[in-house]
């Protein structure tokens, strides 16, 4: 039990360290990533006004397998389309406590291919 508390604490520290450097504005919103074993969730946040501009997830898209790189790519494409609808071209990518590889990297690459700059 003690090990789980330590792992959770270390994860929170990593997430705080990333979010301490990344802030979202109206012109450059923060893209926050949350992933589970089954799904991946992404939202675009304006931290100055505290609003979520748009969101996408493998659960909302009803993908049969939402916990893989292929699903992360589809979710990134969907968020890229929604970002164009709200006139966003530049973003600040917030990976949270997750390493930049695998599903998180596939999501970021899909956002770049959709035309977003970060």
PDB file of N, CA and C in Angstrom:
ATOM      1  N   UNK A   1       0.822  -1.197   0.000  1.00  0.00           N
ATOM      2  CA  UNK A   1       0.000   0.000   0.000  1.00  0.00           C
ATOM      3  C   UNK A   1       0.860   1.252   0.000  1.00  0.00           C
ATOM      4  N   UNK A   2       1.954   1.193   0.728  1.00  0.00           N
ATOM      5  CA  UNK A   2       2.830   2.350   0.812  1.00  0.00           C
ATOM      6  C   UNK A   2       3.454   2.672  -0.537  1.00  0.00           C
ATOM      7  N   UNK A   3       3.754   1.626  -1.321  1.00  0.00           N
ATOM      8  CA  UNK A   3       4.347   1.830  -2.640  1.00  0.00           C
ATOM      9  C   UNK A   3       3.374   2.562  -3.567  1.00  0.00           C
ATOM     10  N   UNK A   4       2.072   2.236  -3.474  1.00  0.00           N
ATOM     11  CA  UNK A   4       1.078   2.895  -4.310  1.00  0.00           C
ATOM     12  C   UNK A   4       0.979   4.383  -3.989  1.00  0.00           C
ATOM     13  N   UNK A   5       1.067   4.718  -2.718  1.00  0.00           N
ATOM     14  CA  UNK A   5       1.033   6.129  -2.349  1.00  0.00           C
ATOM     15  C   UNK A   5       2.237   6.853  -2.920  1.00  0.00           C
ATOM     16  N   UNK A   6       3.368   6.192  -2.898  1.00  0.00           N
ATOM     17  CA  UNK A   6       4.573   6.798  -3.436  1.00  0.00           C
ATOM     18  C   UNK A   6       4.453   6.999  -4.946  1.00  0.00           C
ATOM     19  N   UNK A   7       3.935   5.998  -5.667  1.00  0.00           N
ATOM     20  CA  UNK A   7       3.766   6.118  -7.111  1.00  0.00           C
ATOM     21  C   UNK A   7       2.787   7.236  -7.468  1.00  0.00           C
ATOM     22  N   UNK A   8       1.686   7.316  -6.731  1.00  0.00           N
ATOM     23  CA  UNK A   8       0.704   8.366  -6.987  1.00  0.00           C
ATOM     24  C   UNK A   8       1.289   9.740  -6.702  1.00  0.00           C
ATOM     25  N   UNK A   9       2.065   9.831  -5.654  1.00  0.00           N
ATOM     26  CA  UNK A   9       2.681  11.111  -5.306  1.00  0.00           C
ATOM     27  C   UNK A   9       3.691  11.526  -6.375  1.00  0.00           C
ATOM     28  N   UNK A  10       4.496  10.584  -6.846  1.00  0.00           N
ATOM     29  CA  UNK A  10       5.478  10.890  -7.874  1.00  0.00           C
ATOM     30  C   UNK A  10       4.796  11.322  -9.168  1.00  0.00           C
ATOM     31  N   UNK A  11       3.665  10.689  -9.493  1.00  0.00           N
ATOM     32  CA  UNK A  11       2.924  11.058 -10.700  1.00  0.00           C
ATOM     33  C   UNK A  11       2.381  12.482 -10.589  1.00  0.00           C
ATOM     34  N   UNK A  12       1.860  12.839  -9.423  1.00  0.00           N
ATOM     35  CA  UNK A  12       1.350  14.192  -9.227  1.00  0.00           C
ATOM     36  C   UNK A  12       2.468  15.226  -9.330  1.00  0.00           C
ATOM     37  N   UNK A  13       3.632  14.891  -8.814  1.00  0.00           N
ATOM     38  CA  UNK A  13       4.763  15.808  -8.888  1.00  0.00           C
ATOM     39  C   UNK A  13       5.183  16.015 -10.341  1.00  0.00           C
ATOM     40  N   UNK A  14       5.222  14.928 -11.135  1.00  0.00           N
ATOM     41  CA  UNK A  14       5.577  15.053 -12.545  1.00  0.00           C
ATOM     42  C   UNK A  14       4.570  15.919 -13.283  1.00  0.00           C
ATOM     43  N   UNK A  15       3.277  15.687 -13.033  1.00  0.00           N
ATOM     44  CA  UNK A  15       2.229  16.466 -13.698  1.00  0.00           C
ATOM     45  C   UNK A  15       2.329  17.937 -13.303  1.00  0.00           C
ATOM     46  N   UNK A  16       2.585  18.216 -12.035  1.00  0.00           N
ATOM     47  CA  UNK A  16       2.709  19.599 -11.580  1.00  0.00           C
ATOM     48  C   UNK A  16       3.909  20.276 -12.230  1.00  0.00           C
ATOM     49  N   UNK A  17       5.017  19.536 -12.355  1.00  0.00           N
ATOM     50  CA  UNK A  17       6.226  20.096 -12.956  1.00  0.00           C
ATOM     51  C   UNK A  17       5.973  20.520 -14.403  1.00  0.00           C
ATOM     52  N   UNK A  18       5.223  19.709 -15.147  1.00  0.00           N
ATOM     53  CA  UNK A  18       4.902  20.046 -16.534  1.00  0.00           C
ATOM     54  C   UNK A  18       3.928  21.217 -16.577  1.00  0.00           C
ATOM     55  N   UNK A  19       2.877  21.172 -15.774  1.00  0.00           N
ATOM     56  CA  UNK A  19       1.850  22.212 -15.816  1.00  0.00           C
ATOM     57  C   UNK A  19       2.338  23.540 -15.260  1.00  0.00           C
ATOM     58  N   UNK A  20       3.394  23.490 -14.464  1.00  0.00           N
ATOM     59  CA  UNK A  20       3.962  24.729 -13.936  1.00  0.00           C
ATOM     60  C   UNK A  20       4.599  25.551 -15.048  1.00  0.00           C
ATOM     61  N   UNK A  21       5.049  24.900 -16.109  1.00  0.00           N
ATOM     62  CA  UNK A  21       5.697  25.584 -17.229  1.00  0.00           C
ATOM     63  C   UNK A  21       4.735  25.876 -18.374  1.00  0.00           C
ATOM     64  N   UNK A  22       3.652  25.119 -18.471  1.00  0.00           N
ATOM     65  CA  UNK A  22       2.742  25.232 -19.617  1.00  0.00           C
ATOM     66  C   UNK A  22       1.462  25.923 -19.174  1.00  0.00           C
ATOM     67  N   UNK A  23       1.176  27.072 -19.777  1.00  0.00           N
ATOM     68  CA  UNK A  23      -0.060  27.808 -19.488  1.00  0.00           C
ATOM     69  C   UNK A  23      -0.788  28.068 -20.791  1.00  0.00           C
ATOM     70  N   UNK A  24      -2.097  28.011 -20.744  1.00  0.00           N
ATOM     71  CA  UNK A  24      -2.908  28.260 -21.929  1.00  0.00           C
ATOM     72  C   UNK A  24      -3.474  29.661 -21.925  1.00  0.00           C
ATOM     73  N   UNK A  25      -3.473  30.285 -23.100  1.00  0.00           N
ATOM     74  CA  UNK A  25      -4.063  31.609 -23.257  1.00  0.00           C
ATOM     75  C   UNK A  25      -5.152  31.518 -24.321  1.00  0.00           C
ATOM     76  N   UNK A  26      -5.774  32.655 -24.593  1.00  0.00           N
ATOM     77  CA  UNK A  26      -6.817  32.675 -25.607  1.00  0.00           C
ATOM     78  C   UNK A  26      -6.224  32.405 -26.992  1.00  0.00           C
ATOM     79  N   UNK A  27      -5.036  32.942 -27.259  1.00  0.00           N
ATOM     80  CA  UNK A  27      -4.395  32.760 -28.564  1.00  0.00           C
ATOM     81  C   UNK A  27      -3.648  31.434 -28.668  1.00  0.00           C
ATOM     82  N   UNK A  28      -3.198  30.919 -27.533  1.00  0.00           N
ATOM     83  CA  UNK A  28      -2.443  29.665 -27.519  1.00  0.00           C
ATOM     84  C   UNK A  28      -2.934  28.796 -26.363  1.00  0.00           C
ATOM     85  N   UNK A  29      -4.042  28.073 -26.562  1.00  0.00           N
ATOM     86  CA  UNK A  29      -4.600  27.267 -25.475  1.00  0.00           C
ATOM     87  C   UNK A  29      -3.744  26.042 -25.160  1.00  0.00           C
ATOM     88  N   UNK A  30      -3.936  25.542 -23.960  1.00  0.00           N
ATOM     89  CA  UNK A  30      -3.220  24.352 -23.500  1.00  0.00           C
ATOM     90  C   UNK A  30      -4.012  23.114 -23.910  1.00  0.00           C
ATOM     91  N   UNK A  31      -3.322  22.132 -24.485  1.00  0.00           N
ATOM     92  CA  UNK A  31      -3.947  20.857 -24.849  1.00  0.00           C
ATOM     93  C   UNK A  31      -3.542  19.849 -23.794  1.00  0.00           C
ATOM     94  N   UNK A  32      -4.507  19.442 -22.979  1.00  0.00           N
ATOM     95  CA  UNK A  32      -4.260  18.533 -21.866  1.00  0.00           C
ATOM     96  C   UNK A  32      -4.608  17.101 -22.269  1.00  0.00           C
ATOM     97  N   UNK A  33      -3.724  16.168 -21.936  1.00  0.00           N
ATOM     98  CA  UNK A  33      -3.889  14.762 -22.299  1.00  0.00           C
ATOM     99  C   UNK A  33      -4.145  13.946 -21.043  1.00  0.00           C
ATOM    100  N   UNK A  34      -5.133  13.069 -21.112  1.00  0.00           N
ATOM    101  CA  UNK A  34      -5.387  12.102 -20.051  1.00  0.00           C
ATOM    102  C   UNK A  34      -5.595  10.753 -20.719  1.00  0.00           C
ATOM    103  N   UNK A  35      -4.896   9.745 -20.235  1.00  0.00           N
ATOM    104  CA  UNK A  35      -5.051   8.429 -20.847  1.00  0.00           C
ATOM    105  C   UNK A  35      -5.274   7.376 -19.790  1.00  0.00           C
ATOM    106  N   UNK A  36      -6.059   6.385 -20.170  1.00  0.00           N
ATOM    107  CA  UNK A  36      -6.271   5.208 -19.344  1.00  0.00           C
ATOM    108  C   UNK A  36      -5.871   4.004 -20.181  1.00  0.00           C
ATOM    109  N   UNK A  37      -6.029   2.825 -19.628  1.00  0.00           N
ATOM    110  CA  UNK A  37      -5.709   1.628 -20.397  1.00  0.00           C
ATOM    111  C   UNK A  37      -6.656   1.442 -21.570  1.00  0.00           C
ATOM    112  N   UNK A  38      -7.893   1.925 -21.439  1.00  0.00           N
ATOM    113  CA  UNK A  38      -8.905   1.697 -22.465  1.00  0.00           C
ATOM    114  C   UNK A  38      -9.114   2.874 -23.406  1.00  0.00           C
ATOM    115  N   UNK A  39      -8.852   4.104 -22.960  1.00  0.00           N
ATOM    116  CA  UNK A  39      -9.189   5.280 -23.765  1.00  0.00           C
ATOM    117  C   UNK A  39      -8.154   6.380 -23.608  1.00  0.00           C
ATOM    118  N   UNK A  40      -8.254   7.375 -24.482  1.00  0.00           N
ATOM    119  CA  UNK A  40      -7.433   8.581 -24.398  1.00  0.00           C
ATOM    120  C   UNK A  40      -8.358   9.789 -24.551  1.00  0.00           C
ATOM    121  N   UNK A  41      -8.137  10.795 -23.717  1.00  0.00           N
ATOM    122  CA  UNK A  41      -8.987  11.977 -23.669  1.00  0.00           C
ATOM    123  C   UNK A  41      -8.104  13.212 -23.845  1.00  0.00           C
ATOM    124  N   UNK A  42      -8.564  14.171 -24.632  1.00  0.00           N
ATOM    125  CA  UNK A  42      -7.803  15.396 -24.890  1.00  0.00           C
ATOM    126  C   UNK A  42      -8.756  16.577 -24.843  1.00  0.00           C
ATOM    127  N   UNK A  43      -8.303  17.674 -24.235  1.00  0.00           N
ATOM    128  CA  UNK A  43      -9.119  18.879 -24.255  1.00  0.00           C
ATOM    129  C   UNK A  43      -8.244  20.108 -24.418  1.00  0.00           C
ATOM    130  N   UNK A  44      -8.813  21.120 -25.034  1.00  0.00           N
ATOM    131  CA  UNK A  44      -8.129  22.374 -25.292  1.00  0.00           C
ATOM    132  C   UNK A  44      -8.656  23.399 -24.293  1.00  0.00           C
ATOM    133  N   UNK A  45      -7.751  23.950 -23.470  1.00  0.00           N
ATOM    134  CA  UNK A  45      -8.155  24.771 -22.331  1.00  0.00           C
ATOM    135  C   UNK A  45      -7.530  26.164 -22.421  1.00  0.00           C
ATOM    136  N   UNK A  46      -8.355  27.185 -22.194  1.00  0.00           N
ATOM    137  CA  UNK A  46      -7.877  28.556 -22.034  1.00  0.00           C
ATOM    138  C   UNK A  46      -7.781  28.806 -20.535  1.00  0.00           C
ATOM    139  N   UNK A  47      -6.566  28.806 -19.979  1.00  0.00           N
ATOM    140  CA  UNK A  47      -6.380  28.924 -18.535  1.00  0.00           C
ATOM    141  C   UNK A  47      -6.695  30.316 -18.009  1.00  0.00           C
ATOM    142  N   UNK A  48      -6.608  31.335 -18.847  1.00  0.00           N
ATOM    143  CA  UNK A  48      -6.886  32.700 -18.390  1.00  0.00           C
ATOM    144  C   UNK A  48      -8.362  32.868 -18.032  1.00  0.00           C
ATOM    145  N   UNK A  49      -9.248  32.308 -18.853  1.00  0.00           N
ATOM    146  CA  UNK A  49     -10.677  32.438 -18.577  1.00  0.00           C
ATOM    147  C   UNK A  49     -11.244  31.176 -17.934  1.00  0.00           C
ATOM    148  N   UNK A  50     -10.463  30.090 -17.879  1.00  0.00           N
ATOM    149  CA  UNK A  50     -10.930  28.851 -17.256  1.00  0.00           C
ATOM    150  C   UNK A  50     -11.948  28.113 -18.103  1.00  0.00           C
ATOM    151  N   UNK A  51     -11.859  28.254 -19.432  1.00  0.00           N
ATOM    152  CA  UNK A  51     -12.823  27.611 -20.321  1.00  0.00           C
ATOM    153  C   UNK A  51     -12.183  26.467 -21.093  1.00  0.00           C
ATOM    154  N   UNK A  52     -12.982  25.455 -21.373  1.00  0.00           N
ATOM    155  CA  UNK A  52     -12.576  24.395 -22.283  1.00  0.00           C
ATOM    156  C   UNK A  52     -13.118  24.757 -23.659  1.00  0.00           C
ATOM    157  N   UNK A  53     -12.213  24.927 -24.624  1.00  0.00           N
ATOM    158  CA  UNK A  53     -12.617  25.362 -25.956  1.00  0.00           C
ATOM    159  C   UNK A  53     -13.186  24.205 -26.773  1.00  0.00           C
ATOM    160  N   UNK A  54     -12.550  23.047 -26.725  1.00  0.00           N
ATOM    161  CA  UNK A  54     -13.056  21.861 -27.410  1.00  0.00           C
ATOM    162  C   UNK A  54     -12.407  20.627 -26.807  1.00  0.00           C
ATOM    163  N   UNK A  55     -12.980  19.473 -27.093  1.00  0.00           N
ATOM    164  CA  UNK A  55     -12.461  18.231 -26.543  1.00  0.00           C
ATOM    165  C   UNK A  55     -12.701  17.099 -27.522  1.00  0.00           C
ATOM    166  N   UNK A  56     -11.946  16.035 -27.336  1.00  0.00           N
ATOM    167  CA  UNK A  56     -12.122  14.818 -28.131  1.00  0.00           C
ATOM    168  C   UNK A  56     -11.641  13.644 -27.295  1.00  0.00           C
ATOM    169  N   UNK A  57     -12.253  12.498 -27.508  1.00  0.00           N
ATOM    170  CA  UNK A  57     -11.823  11.295 -26.790  1.00  0.00           C
ATOM    171  C   UNK A  57     -12.189  10.065 -27.601  1.00  0.00           C
ATOM    172  N   UNK A  58     -11.472   8.997 -27.337  1.00  0.00           N
ATOM    173  CA  UNK A  58     -11.772   7.744 -28.021  1.00  0.00           C
ATOM    174  C   UNK A  58     -13.102   7.182 -27.536  1.00  0.00           C
ATOM    175  N   UNK A  59     -13.500   7.517 -26.333  1.00  0.00           N
ATOM    176  CA  UNK A  59     -14.794   7.059 -25.813  1.00  0.00           C
ATOM    177  C   UNK A  59     -15.936   7.765 -26.534  1.00  0.00           C
ATOM    178  N   UNK A  60     -15.821   9.088 -26.707  1.00  0.00           N
ATOM    179  CA  UNK A  60     -16.867   9.847 -27.393  1.00  0.00           C
ATOM    180  C   UNK A  60     -16.950   9.473 -28.868  1.00  0.00           C
ATOM    181  N   UNK A  61     -15.812   9.107 -29.459  1.00  0.00           N
ATOM    182  CA  UNK A  61     -15.799   8.717 -30.865  1.00  0.00           C
ATOM    183  C   UNK A  61     -16.244   7.268 -31.065  1.00  0.00           C
ATOM    184  N   UNK A  62     -16.448   6.552 -29.952  1.00  0.00           N
ATOM    185  CA  UNK A  62     -16.909   5.150 -29.955  1.00  0.00           C
ATOM    186  C   UNK A  62     -15.987   4.258 -30.783  1.00  0.00           C
ATOM    187  N   UNK A  63     -14.686   4.429 -30.555  1.00  0.00           N
ATOM    188  CA  UNK A  63     -13.708   3.573 -31.218  1.00  0.00           C
ATOM    189  C   UNK A  63     -13.694   2.211 -30.523  1.00  0.00           C
ATOM    190  N   UNK A  64     -13.603   1.125 -31.280  1.00  0.00           N
ATOM    191  CA  UNK A  64     -13.661  -0.207 -30.660  1.00  0.00           C
ATOM    192  C   UNK A  64     -12.486  -0.462 -29.722  1.00  0.00           C
ATOM    193  N   UNK A  65     -11.307   0.039 -30.078  1.00  0.00           N
ATOM    194  CA  UNK A  65     -10.138  -0.098 -29.218  1.00  0.00           C
ATOM    195  C   UNK A  65      -9.546   1.287 -29.037  1.00  0.00           C
ATOM    196  N   UNK A  66      -9.820   1.909 -27.916  1.00  0.00           N
ATOM    197  CA  UNK A  66      -9.401   3.284 -27.700  1.00  0.00           C
ATOM    198  C   UNK A  66      -8.075   3.427 -26.992  1.00  0.00           C
ATOM    199  N   UNK A  67      -7.449   2.330 -26.597  1.00  0.00           N
ATOM    200  CA  UNK A  67      -6.218   2.411 -25.827  1.00  0.00           C
ATOM    201  C   UNK A  67      -4.983   2.086 -26.625  1.00  0.00           C
ATOM    202  N   UNK A  68      -4.952   2.430 -27.916  1.00  0.00           N
ATOM    203  CA  UNK A  68      -3.766   2.127 -28.712  1.00  0.00           C
ATOM    204  C   UNK A  68      -3.342   3.351 -29.524  1.00  0.00           C
ATOM    205  N   UNK A  69      -2.224   3.227 -30.226  1.00  0.00           N
ATOM    206  CA  UNK A  69      -1.658   4.339 -30.984  1.00  0.00           C
ATOM    207  C   UNK A  69      -2.582   4.760 -32.120  1.00  0.00           C
ATOM    208  N   UNK A  70      -3.219   3.807 -32.740  1.00  0.00           N
ATOM    209  CA  UNK A  70      -4.133   4.113 -33.847  1.00  0.00           C
ATOM    210  C   UNK A  70      -5.297   4.986 -33.376  1.00  0.00           C
ATOM    211  N   UNK A  71      -5.852   4.664 -32.229  1.00  0.00           N
ATOM    212  CA  UNK A  71      -6.951   5.457 -31.674  1.00  0.00           C
ATOM    213  C   UNK A  71      -6.465   6.852 -31.284  1.00  0.00           C
ATOM    214  N   UNK A  72      -5.259   6.956 -30.736  1.00  0.00           N
ATOM    215  CA  UNK A  72      -4.711   8.255 -30.361  1.00  0.00           C
ATOM    216  C   UNK A  72      -4.541   9.145 -31.587  1.00  0.00           C
ATOM    217  N   UNK A  73      -4.146   8.549 -32.701  1.00  0.00           N
ATOM    218  CA  UNK A  73      -4.007   9.307 -33.941  1.00  0.00           C
ATOM    219  C   UNK A  73      -5.359   9.830 -34.410  1.00  0.00           C
ATOM    220  N   UNK A  74      -6.390   9.003 -34.339  1.00  0.00           N
ATOM    221  CA  UNK A  74      -7.734   9.428 -34.752  1.00  0.00           C
ATOM    222  C   UNK A  74      -8.263  10.539 -33.854  1.00  0.00           C
ATOM    223  N   UNK A  75      -8.005  10.422 -32.553  1.00  0.00           N
ATOM    224  CA  UNK A  75      -8.454  11.451 -31.609  1.00  0.00           C
ATOM    225  C   UNK A  75      -7.716  12.765 -31.889  1.00  0.00           C
ATOM    226  N   UNK A  76      -6.430  12.692 -32.212  1.00  0.00           N
ATOM    227  CA  UNK A  76      -5.669  13.895 -32.558  1.00  0.00           C
ATOM    228  C   UNK A  76      -6.201  14.572 -33.809  1.00  0.00           C
ATOM    229  N   UNK A  77      -6.558  13.770 -34.813  1.00  0.00           N
ATOM    230  CA  UNK A  77      -7.147  14.334 -36.030  1.00  0.00           C
ATOM    231  C   UNK A  77      -8.473  15.023 -35.728  1.00  0.00           C
ATOM    232  N   UNK A  78      -9.284  14.399 -34.886  1.00  0.00           N
ATOM    233  CA  UNK A  78     -10.591  14.967 -34.521  1.00  0.00           C
ATOM    234  C   UNK A  78     -10.421  16.294 -33.778  1.00  0.00           C
ATOM    235  N   UNK A  79      -9.469  16.333 -32.828  1.00  0.00           N
ATOM    236  CA  UNK A  79      -9.237  17.577 -32.091  1.00  0.00           C
ATOM    237  C   UNK A  79      -8.681  18.655 -33.018  1.00  0.00           C
ATOM    238  N   UNK A  80      -7.874  18.266 -33.992  1.00  0.00           N
ATOM    239  CA  UNK A  80      -7.361  19.222 -34.971  1.00  0.00           C
ATOM    240  C   UNK A  80      -8.474  19.854 -35.787  1.00  0.00           C
ATOM    241  N   UNK A  81      -9.456  19.037 -36.171  1.00  0.00           N
ATOM    242  CA  UNK A  81     -10.621  19.570 -36.907  1.00  0.00           C
ATOM    243  C   UNK A  81     -11.427  20.522 -36.029  1.00  0.00           C
ATOM    244  N   UNK A  82     -11.630  20.147 -34.780  1.00  0.00           N
ATOM    245  CA  UNK A  82     -12.398  21.003 -33.876  1.00  0.00           C
ATOM    246  C   UNK A  82     -11.643  22.304 -33.573  1.00  0.00           C
ATOM    247  N   UNK A  83     -10.321  22.238 -33.528  1.00  0.00           N
ATOM    248  CA  UNK A  83      -9.522  23.436 -33.264  1.00  0.00           C
ATOM    249  C   UNK A  83      -9.669  24.437 -34.405  1.00  0.00           C
ATOM    250  N   UNK A  84      -9.765  23.947 -35.623  1.00  0.00           N
ATOM    251  CA  UNK A  84      -9.959  24.852 -36.757  1.00  0.00           C
ATOM    252  C   UNK A  84     -11.317  25.538 -36.673  1.00  0.00           C
ATOM    253  N   UNK A  85     -12.316  24.844 -36.130  1.00  0.00           N
ATOM    254  CA  UNK A  85     -13.645  25.438 -35.978  1.00  0.00           C
ATOM    255  C   UNK A  85     -13.641  26.603 -34.992  1.00  0.00           C
ATOM    256  N   UNK A  86     -12.781  26.536 -33.977  1.00  0.00           N
ATOM    257  CA  UNK A  86     -12.710  27.623 -32.997  1.00  0.00           C
ATOM    258  C   UNK A  86     -11.539  28.563 -33.276  1.00  0.00           C
ATOM    259  N   UNK A  87     -10.961  28.467 -34.495  1.00  0.00           N
ATOM    260  CA  UNK A  87      -9.901  29.361 -34.973  1.00  0.00           C
ATOM    261  C   UNK A  87      -8.646  29.338 -34.105  1.00  0.00           C
ATOM    262  N   UNK A  88      -8.153  28.142 -33.820  1.00  0.00           N
ATOM    263  CA  UNK A  88      -6.916  27.981 -33.057  1.00  0.00           C
ATOM    264  C   UNK A  88      -5.855  27.416 -33.992  1.00  0.00           C
ATOM    265  N   UNK A  89      -4.695  28.072 -34.023  1.00  0.00           N
ATOM    266  CA  UNK A  89      -3.588  27.603 -34.863  1.00  0.00           C
ATOM    267  C   UNK A  89      -2.381  27.177 -34.046  1.00  0.00           C
ATOM    268  N   UNK A  90      -2.187  27.802 -32.872  1.00  0.00           N
ATOM    269  CA  UNK A  90      -1.044  27.488 -32.023  1.00  0.00           C
ATOM    270  C   UNK A  90      -1.540  26.946 -30.688  1.00  0.00           C
ATOM    271  N   UNK A  91      -0.829  25.958 -30.153  1.00  0.00           N
ATOM    272  CA  UNK A  91      -1.220  25.358 -28.884  1.00  0.00           C
ATOM    273  C   UNK A  91      -0.001  25.176 -27.992  1.00  0.00           C
ATOM    274  N   UNK A  92      -0.258  24.947 -26.711  1.00  0.00           N
ATOM    275  CA  UNK A  92       0.768  24.546 -25.755  1.00  0.00           C
ATOM    276  C   UNK A  92       0.410  23.122 -25.339  1.00  0.00           C
ATOM    277  N   UNK A  93       1.289  22.165 -25.625  1.00  0.00           N
ATOM    278  CA  UNK A  93       0.993  20.753 -25.395  1.00  0.00           C
ATOM    279  C   UNK A  93       1.333  20.376 -23.964  1.00  0.00           C
ATOM    280  N   UNK A  94       0.347  19.884 -23.228  1.00  0.00           N
ATOM    281  CA  UNK A  94       0.497  19.472 -21.833  1.00  0.00           C
ATOM    282  C   UNK A  94       0.362  17.957 -21.768  1.00  0.00           C
ATOM    283  N   UNK A  95       1.471  17.264 -21.638  1.00  0.00           N
ATOM    284  CA  UNK A  95       1.449  15.806 -21.612  1.00  0.00           C
ATOM    285  C   UNK A  95       1.100  15.262 -20.231  1.00  0.00           C
ATOM    286  N   UNK A  96       0.981  16.134 -19.254  1.00  0.00           N
ATOM    287  CA  UNK A  96       0.658  15.695 -17.901  1.00  0.00           C
ATOM    288  C   UNK A  96       1.811  14.925 -17.300  1.00  0.00           C
ATOM    289  N   UNK A  97       1.518  13.794 -16.688  1.00  0.00           N
ATOM    290  CA  UNK A  97       2.564  12.982 -16.066  1.00  0.00           C
ATOM    291  C   UNK A  97       3.041  11.865 -16.983  1.00  0.00           C
ATOM    292  N   UNK A  98       2.597  11.877 -18.239  1.00  0.00           N
ATOM    293  CA  UNK A  98       2.909  10.800 -19.167  1.00  0.00           C
ATOM    294  C   UNK A  98       4.159  11.113 -19.975  1.00  0.00           C
ATOM    295  N   UNK A  99       4.919  10.081 -20.276  1.00  0.00           N
ATOM    296  CA  UNK A  99       6.103  10.251 -21.116  1.00  0.00           C
ATOM    297  C   UNK A  99       5.678  10.591 -22.535  1.00  0.00           C
ATOM    298  N   UNK A 100       6.558  11.301 -23.226  1.00  0.00           N
ATOM    299  CA  UNK A 100       6.266  11.686 -24.602  1.00  0.00           C
ATOM    300  C   UNK A 100       6.702  10.548 -25.522  1.00  0.00           C
ATOM    301  N   UNK A 101       5.923   9.498 -25.563  1.00  0.00           N
ATOM    302  CA  UNK A 101       6.158   8.383 -26.485  1.00  0.00           C
ATOM    303  C   UNK A 101       4.878   7.587 -26.583  1.00  0.00           C
ATOM    304  N   UNK A 102       4.797   6.708 -27.541  1.00  0.00           N
ATOM    305  CA  UNK A 102       3.623   5.862 -27.689  1.00  0.00           C
ATOM    306  C   UNK A 102       2.387   6.648 -28.073  1.00  0.00           C
ATOM    307  N   UNK A 103       1.329   6.474 -27.289  1.00  0.00           N
ATOM    308  CA  UNK A 103       0.053   7.122 -27.599  1.00  0.00           C
ATOM    309  C   UNK A 103       0.127   8.638 -27.510  1.00  0.00           C
ATOM    310  N   UNK A 104       0.881   9.157 -26.549  1.00  0.00           N
ATOM    311  CA  UNK A 104       0.986  10.608 -26.382  1.00  0.00           C
ATOM    312  C   UNK A 104       1.714  11.213 -27.580  1.00  0.00           C
ATOM    313  N   UNK A 105       2.774  10.566 -28.038  1.00  0.00           N
ATOM    314  CA  UNK A 105       3.510  11.058 -29.200  1.00  0.00           C
ATOM    315  C   UNK A 105       2.665  10.950 -30.463  1.00  0.00           C
ATOM    316  N   UNK A 106       1.920   9.857 -30.623  1.00  0.00           N
ATOM    317  CA  UNK A 106       1.049   9.701 -31.790  1.00  0.00           C
ATOM    318  C   UNK A 106      -0.014  10.786 -31.820  1.00  0.00           C
ATOM    319  N   UNK A 107      -0.553  11.123 -30.667  1.00  0.00           N
ATOM    320  CA  UNK A 107      -1.536  12.199 -30.558  1.00  0.00           C
ATOM    321  C   UNK A 107      -0.924  13.530 -30.966  1.00  0.00           C
ATOM    322  N   UNK A 108       0.274  13.826 -30.469  1.00  0.00           N
ATOM    323  CA  UNK A 108       0.950  15.084 -30.801  1.00  0.00           C
ATOM    324  C   UNK A 108       1.267  15.155 -32.292  1.00  0.00           C
ATOM    325  N   UNK A 109       1.717  14.052 -32.880  1.00  0.00           N
ATOM    326  CA  UNK A 109       2.015  14.037 -34.305  1.00  0.00           C
ATOM    327  C   UNK A 109       0.755  14.257 -35.141  1.00  0.00           C
ATOM    328  N   UNK A 110      -0.370  13.689 -34.694  1.00  0.00           N
ATOM    329  CA  UNK A 110      -1.639  13.888 -35.408  1.00  0.00           C
ATOM    330  C   UNK A 110      -2.090  15.348 -35.316  1.00  0.00           C
ATOM    331  N   UNK A 111      -1.873  15.976 -34.175  1.00  0.00           N
ATOM    332  CA  UNK A 111      -2.212  17.395 -34.034  1.00  0.00           C
ATOM    333  C   UNK A 111      -1.353  18.255 -34.949  1.00  0.00           C
ATOM    334  N   UNK A 112      -0.073  17.896 -35.065  1.00  0.00           N
ATOM    335  CA  UNK A 112       0.817  18.637 -35.971  1.00  0.00           C
ATOM    336  C   UNK A 112       0.377  18.453 -37.429  1.00  0.00           C
ATOM    337  N   UNK A 113       0.023  17.225 -37.792  1.00  0.00           N
ATOM    338  CA  UNK A 113      -0.397  16.989 -39.174  1.00  0.00           C
ATOM    339  C   UNK A 113      -1.730  17.646 -39.483  1.00  0.00           C
ATOM    340  N   UNK A 114      -2.534  17.943 -38.446  1.00  0.00           N
ATOM    341  CA  UNK A 114      -3.793  18.646 -38.643  1.00  0.00           C
ATOM    342  C   UNK A 114      -3.579  20.147 -38.806  1.00  0.00           C
ATOM    343  N   UNK A 115      -2.327  20.614 -38.640  1.00  0.00           N
ATOM    344  CA  UNK A 115      -2.032  22.019 -38.885  1.00  0.00           C
ATOM    345  C   UNK A 115      -1.779  22.849 -37.650  1.00  0.00           C
ATOM    346  N   UNK A 116      -1.800  22.234 -36.469  1.00  0.00           N
ATOM    347  CA  UNK A 116      -1.542  22.980 -35.243  1.00  0.00           C
ATOM    348  C   UNK A 116      -0.045  23.087 -35.012  1.00  0.00           C
ATOM    349  N   UNK A 117       0.389  24.228 -34.481  1.00  0.00           N
ATOM    350  CA  UNK A 117       1.809  24.460 -34.223  1.00  0.00           C
ATOM    351  C   UNK A 117       2.052  24.548 -32.735  1.00  0.00           C
ATOM    352  N   UNK A 118       3.107  23.843 -32.291  1.00  0.00           N
ATOM    353  CA  UNK A 118       3.543  23.930 -30.889  1.00  0.00           C
ATOM    354  C   UNK A 118       4.977  23.538 -30.742  1.00  0.00           C
TER     355      UNK A 118
END
